[in-house]
Amino acid sequence: MPDADVIIAGAGMAGATVALALTGAGLKVVLIDPQPFAEQVAEAFDGRASAISFSAFRQWRALGVAPLLEPRAQRIEQILVTDGRPPGASARGPAPPWLRFDAEEIADRTDGEPLGYMLENRHIRAALARAVGASGIEVLAPAKVASVEVTPAVARVTLEGGRVLAAPLVVGADGRGSRVRSEAGIGVTGWDYRQAGVVATVALERDHEGVAYEHFLPSGPFAILPLTERRASLVWTESAARGAALKAVGPEAFEAHLRRRFGDFLGKIEVVGPRFVYPLSLQLADKLTAPRTALIGDAAHAIHPIAGQGLNMGLKDAAALAQVLIEAVRLGEDFGSLAVLERYGRWRGVDNVGVALATDLFTRLFSNNHPIVRAARGAGMALVNHIGPARRFFMAEAGGAVGDLPRLLKGEAL
């Protein structure tokens, strides 16, 4: 007899979200994760914060998680994109091209929602862990998947230590190095950007007023993302060598380098907490499904953080997979069959590839100091800035409100 309807490897943000969606619709789920939940919610788990699209936040609202997140969520009211030097940094010559997105422009179609929400990953994990605990989902952690054997009727997951679990479906939400993906024989395509993302949190002298800044510098994007309590999360892209150097230098030297890029438009800044450095690369699974197997989140795709879409893609995966499975159950279908899973693969495959290629193009276009390229992108930014429909389309796209949306992303229950 199966131990569950669905076994999910990976209790991170995407894995926990799809687990809650499936459990709420009546399926029995087992979550497996190599990290104890206590470590998942540690104060400085990895230093990262995420820009959550308003459609992804609707999903958490529909699943009952939003009340746990709202006190920690910073609304993004505006996004200011500049090409060249950051505002406030001393420089001669004309001001760099810029582009502004304002939530008020699309308020009529979003019921007054912001462009997105900034949330520290540790708070997202804590809220999801509390919701998972309250839902009664069985969590095996710490536990690692050793192998997956697929039969015509079930997938058998063997854990390190020898325990075997069986279910009609196994979901790989276990990150870039997904064991579920490798056991299913699904390959990956991708490349290294030879860049590093330097992540830190800073306290600000002046209030950011809910504005997110994205500065495209020759070395890569420099993002200043608003957090609660007059703080900001920085995602500072540098070459791999400079990233390693910035990780190694002392705090005074790091802050000196940071101030030169940050400028003084938000007053004095102070680094609070540790800093982290992550290598940047692109990785796409060759397909999202295999017999009795589906991939979501970083197991399916890992992209450059230039547009802040990585986690949002995983949350879209979770919403789409949950809807496909629940609809199949209600129709009396074998929800773990390849015929059902391919509906999910078709639904999410094109969008995932499109977003990955778009972020790759932006990375190459904007991490480039060639005069002709700079002139072309400056003209493009000025054009979009003066065309309202184009600007509103980009805001809706970034908010995850374009295309065939799963019901959860519309805020509807399954």
Foldseek 3Di string as FASTA:
>chain_A
DFPWAEEEEDCALLRLLLVLQQLVLPGAYEYAYQADLVLLQDPCNPQDKFWAFLLLLLLCVLSVLNVLCVVFKFFQFKEKEFEAAAPQFDDDDDGTFMFMFGQVLCCVVSVNGHLTIIGGRSSSSVSSVVSCVVSPHHYHPSWAFDAWDDDLQWIWTAIVVGDIGIHLAYEFAPAQVTPLCVNLVWDKDKDFPQKKWKKFKKAFPAAPNNYKYWYQHLQGIWIWGDTPPRMTIITDMGGNVVLVVLLPDDPVVNVVVVCNRNHAPRHDMDTDDHMDMGGFMKMATPFQDGQRYGYAANNGIDAGCNLSCRVVLRSQLSLLLSVLQSVCVVVVHSCRGPVSVVVSRVVSVVVRVVVRVVRVVCRVLRSRDDVVSSVVVSVVSVVCNPDSVSSVVVSCVSSVNDDDGRPSSVSDRD
